[in-house]
Amino acid sequence: MKQLTPAPDEKSTEQRILDAAHAVFTARGTAGARMQDIAEEAGVNQALLHYYFRNKERLSAAVFRRAASELFPPAIRLLASDAELEDKVERVVDLYLRQLLRAPYLPGYIVSELTHRPERARELIAALTGRTAEDTSSPVLATLRRQLEARQQAGTLRPIAAEEFMVNLMSLCVFPFAARPMLMAMFRMDQQAFEQFIERRRRELAAFFMRALRP
């Protein structure tokens, strides 16, 4: 019978290539990465890269899906949940800042990829959720609107659109990493100082965000 799945060592090789490509693409971007660099990082020859992923474009797409899946789905699930707003904000901040400290190149890489390949946004959402971008965002925005309107009617929150709430929260989390080289140069921070800066932000950002929404 024909074998339908790779042998364990083949899976290991494919994963090693994907790990290596992830490191090279996120550090250098798709345009700056070379297949030879990825092969050397993975400890394989270029022929194996082409065997598993055919070409650089397919490998780049696989890395992009993997990178974006580390950031977006968990936050979307949190924002679509029925948890209280304060709890959502705290958990999204904690999730993003912890994850991005481990992979600080991700925001810059994802923004760069979407700038040069905007069609990937819809492809990515469909691949990660099995639904269109509109079908994915609707439950999130509907839940946020309901919660925000209830708070606004109670007089405990100033008016803000659900889209603005979501974008503002995610931007405050992601921007320091997207602009990390600039911030480190501007504030004369080394890596340890930057990590301490993010740790303070992780403790303080949720409260800052909610205070800004109160009347």
Protein backbone atom coordinates (compact mmCIF):
# COMPACT_ATOMS: atom_id res chain seq x y z
CA MET A 1 0.00 0.00 0.00
CA LYS A 2 1.25 3.47 -0.83
CA GLN A 3 2.48 5.42 2.19
CA LEU A 4 0.32 8.51 2.74
CA THR A 5 2.24 10.19 5.54
CA PRO A 6 5.97 10.96 5.90
CA ALA A 7 8.12 8.67 7.99
CA PRO A 8 9.12 10.07 11.42
CA ASP A 9 12.56 11.12 10.19
CA GLU A 10 10.95 12.90 7.21
CA LYS A 11 8.65 14.79 9.57
CA SER A 12 11.68 15.78 11.62
CA THR A 13 13.49 17.04 8.53
CA GLU A 14 10.48 19.02 7.34
CA GLN A 15 10.04 20.57 10.78
CA ARG A 16 13.74 21.42 10.96
CA ILE A 17 13.51 23.17 7.60
CA LEU A 18 10.42 25.09 8.70
CA ASP A 19 12.11 26.12 11.97
CA ALA A 20 15.16 27.31 10.06
CA ALA A 21 13.06 29.19 7.52
CA HIS A 22 11.10 30.80 10.34
CA ALA A 23 14.33 32.07 11.91
CA VAL A 24 15.75 33.37 8.62
CA PHE A 25 12.56 34.91 7.20
CA THR A 26 11.54 36.67 10.42
CA ALA A 27 15.04 38.09 10.90
CA ARG A 28 15.68 39.16 7.29
CA GLY A 29 12.28 39.28 5.61
CA THR A 30 11.34 37.32 2.54
CA ALA A 31 13.24 39.57 0.15
CA GLY A 32 16.44 39.37 2.18
CA ALA A 33 16.36 35.63 2.82
CA ARG A 34 18.12 33.13 0.58
CA MET A 35 17.37 29.45 0.22
CA GLN A 36 21.05 28.76 0.85
CA ASP A 37 20.82 30.58 4.19
CA ILE A 38 17.83 28.44 5.17
CA ALA A 39 19.57 25.23 4.10
CA GLU A 40 22.62 26.11 6.18
CA GLU A 41 20.46 27.01 9.19
CA ALA A 42 18.62 23.69 8.90
CA GLY A 43 21.78 21.69 8.24
CA VAL A 44 20.47 20.25 4.96
CA ASN A 45 21.18 20.75 1.27
CA GLN A 46 19.01 22.95 -0.94
CA ALA A 47 17.60 19.94 -2.77
CA LEU A 48 15.73 18.94 0.41
CA LEU A 49 14.21 22.42 0.68
CA HIS A 50 12.79 22.03 -2.82
CA TYR A 51 11.65 18.46 -2.09
CA TYR A 52 9.52 19.54 0.87
CA PHE A 53 8.41 23.04 -0.16
CA ARG A 54 9.08 23.22 -3.93
CA ASN A 55 10.20 26.85 -3.96
CA LYS A 56 10.89 29.92 -1.83
CA GLU A 57 7.36 31.29 -2.26
CA ARG A 58 5.75 28.16 -0.80
CA LEU A 59 8.22 28.09 2.05
CA SER A 60 7.60 31.77 2.70
CA ALA A 61 3.84 31.20 2.78
CA ALA A 62 4.25 28.33 5.27
CA VAL A 63 6.40 30.49 7.54
CA PHE A 64 3.95 33.38 7.33
CA ARG A 65 1.00 31.17 8.33
CA ARG A 66 2.97 29.79 11.24
CA ALA A 67 4.13 33.23 12.42
CA ALA A 68 0.68 34.80 12.23
CA SER A 69 -0.97 31.82 13.92
CA GLU A 70 1.20 32.46 16.98
CA LEU A 71 -0.25 35.96 17.36
CA PHE A 72 -3.79 36.31 16.09
CA PRO A 73 -6.06 33.32 16.86
CA PRO A 74 -5.53 33.31 20.66
CA ALA A 75 -6.27 37.03 20.91
CA ILE A 76 -9.31 36.73 18.65
CA ARG A 77 -10.70 33.93 20.83
CA LEU A 78 -10.20 36.06 23.93
CA LEU A 79 -11.87 39.12 22.43
CA ALA A 80 -14.84 37.06 21.20
CA SER A 81 -15.40 35.48 24.62
CA ASP A 82 -17.93 36.63 27.23
CA ALA A 83 -15.24 37.52 29.75
CA GLU A 84 -15.48 40.99 31.31
CA LEU A 85 -13.73 43.78 29.39
CA GLU A 86 -11.10 44.29 32.07
CA ASP A 87 -10.27 40.58 32.05
CA LYS A 88 -10.06 40.52 28.24
CA VAL A 89 -7.68 43.47 28.18
CA GLU A 90 -5.43 42.01 30.89
CA ARG A 91 -5.26 38.64 29.18
CA VAL A 92 -4.63 40.04 25.69
CA VAL A 93 -1.85 42.28 27.00
CA ASP A 94 -0.27 39.41 28.91
CA LEU A 95 -0.58 37.05 25.93
CA TYR A 96 0.92 39.43 23.39
CA LEU A 97 3.77 40.77 25.48
CA ARG A 98 4.88 37.37 26.71
CA GLN A 99 4.69 35.89 23.22
CA LEU A 100 6.48 38.79 21.55
CA LEU A 101 9.30 38.82 24.07
CA ARG A 102 10.04 35.29 22.86
CA ALA A 103 9.70 36.29 19.19
CA PRO A 104 10.31 40.06 18.89
CA TYR A 105 10.81 39.94 15.11
CA LEU A 106 7.27 38.73 14.43
CA PRO A 107 5.40 42.08 14.21
CA GLY A 108 7.91 43.66 11.83
CA TYR A 109 7.96 40.54 9.70
CA ILE A 110 4.17 40.22 9.52
CA VAL A 111 3.66 43.92 8.72
CA SER A 112 6.33 43.75 6.01
CA GLU A 113 4.79 40.63 4.46
CA LEU A 114 1.30 42.14 4.42
CA THR A 115 2.63 45.38 2.94
CA HIS A 116 4.23 43.56 0.02
CA ARG A 117 1.60 40.80 -0.25
CA PRO A 118 -1.74 42.23 0.94
CA GLU A 119 -3.62 39.27 -0.53
CA ARG A 120 -2.10 37.10 2.19
CA ALA A 121 -4.34 38.67 4.83
CA ARG A 122 -7.51 37.03 3.55
CA GLU A 123 -5.69 33.80 2.69
CA LEU A 124 -4.27 33.67 6.20
CA ILE A 125 -7.59 34.22 7.94
CA ALA A 126 -9.23 31.54 5.82
CA ALA A 127 -6.40 29.10 6.52
CA LEU A 128 -6.44 29.71 10.28
CA THR A 129 -10.19 29.84 10.87
CA GLY A 130 -11.81 28.12 7.90
CA ARG A 131 -13.91 31.26 7.45
CA THR A 132 -13.70 34.53 5.54
CA ALA A 133 -12.30 37.66 7.15
CA GLU A 134 -15.82 39.08 7.49
CA ASP A 135 -17.17 35.91 9.09
CA THR A 136 -14.24 35.84 11.52
CA SER A 137 -14.47 39.48 12.62
CA SER A 138 -18.27 39.60 12.98
CA PRO A 139 -18.56 37.55 16.22
CA VAL A 140 -15.66 39.44 17.80
CA LEU A 141 -17.06 42.85 16.95
CA ALA A 142 -20.62 41.88 17.91
CA THR A 143 -19.49 40.77 21.37
CA LEU A 144 -17.36 43.86 21.91
CA ARG A 145 -20.16 46.18 20.75
CA ARG A 146 -22.60 44.59 23.18
CA GLN A 147 -20.19 44.91 26.09
CA LEU A 148 -19.10 48.44 25.22
CA GLU A 149 -22.67 49.68 24.73
CA ALA A 150 -23.72 48.21 28.09
CA ARG A 151 -20.87 50.06 29.82
CA GLN A 152 -21.61 53.27 27.94
CA GLN A 153 -25.27 53.15 28.90
CA ALA A 154 -24.25 52.60 32.53
CA GLY A 155 -22.06 55.70 32.29
CA THR A 156 -18.86 53.85 33.19
CA LEU A 157 -17.24 54.02 29.76
CA ARG A 158 -16.98 56.74 27.17
CA PRO A 159 -18.24 56.00 23.65
CA ILE A 160 -15.80 54.05 21.48
CA ALA A 161 -16.38 51.87 18.43
CA ALA A 162 -15.58 48.19 18.81
CA GLU A 163 -13.16 48.45 15.88
CA GLU A 164 -11.28 51.28 17.62
CA PHE A 165 -11.19 49.36 20.90
CA MET A 166 -9.68 46.32 19.19
CA VAL A 167 -7.16 48.23 17.06
CA ASN A 168 -6.03 50.46 19.92
CA LEU A 169 -5.47 47.52 22.24
CA MET A 170 -3.53 45.45 19.72
CA SER A 171 -1.48 48.44 18.56
CA LEU A 172 -0.37 49.29 22.09
CA CYS A 173 0.84 45.72 22.50
CA VAL A 174 2.53 45.29 19.13
CA PHE A 175 4.09 48.69 18.40
CA PRO A 176 7.05 48.46 20.82
CA PHE A 177 8.16 45.29 19.07
CA ALA A 178 7.56 46.56 15.55
CA ALA A 179 9.63 49.65 16.44
CA ARG A 180 12.07 47.82 18.73
CA PRO A 181 15.34 48.87 16.99
CA MET A 182 14.24 52.51 16.96
CA LEU A 183 13.14 52.47 20.61
CA MET A 184 16.32 50.74 21.75
CA ALA A 185 18.43 53.33 19.94
CA MET A 186 16.34 56.29 21.08
CA PHE A 187 16.26 55.28 24.74
CA ARG A 188 19.76 53.71 24.74
CA MET A 189 18.44 50.33 25.82
CA ASP A 190 20.24 47.04 25.50
CA GLN A 191 18.26 43.80 25.25
CA GLN A 192 17.97 43.42 29.01
CA ALA A 193 16.71 46.98 29.41
CA PHE A 194 14.18 46.45 26.62
CA GLU A 195 12.88 43.31 28.32
CA GLN A 196 12.54 45.21 31.60
CA PHE A 197 10.65 47.95 29.73
CA ILE A 198 8.24 45.37 28.33
CA GLU A 199 7.79 43.74 31.73
CA ARG A 200 6.75 47.12 33.22
CA ARG A 201 4.42 47.57 30.30
CA ARG A 202 2.91 44.13 30.87
CA ARG A 203 2.08 45.10 34.46
CA GLU A 204 0.76 48.58 33.71
CA LEU A 205 -0.74 48.64 30.20
CA ALA A 206 -4.11 47.03 30.92
CA ALA A 207 -4.92 49.53 33.68
CA PHE A 208 -3.70 52.43 31.51
CA PHE A 209 -5.89 51.28 28.64
CA MET A 210 -9.06 50.98 30.72
CA ARG A 211 -8.45 54.32 32.49
CA ALA A 212 -8.31 56.02 29.09
CA LEU A 213 -11.82 54.75 28.31
CA ARG A 214 -13.48 55.99 31.47
CA PRO A 215 -15.53 59.24 31.34
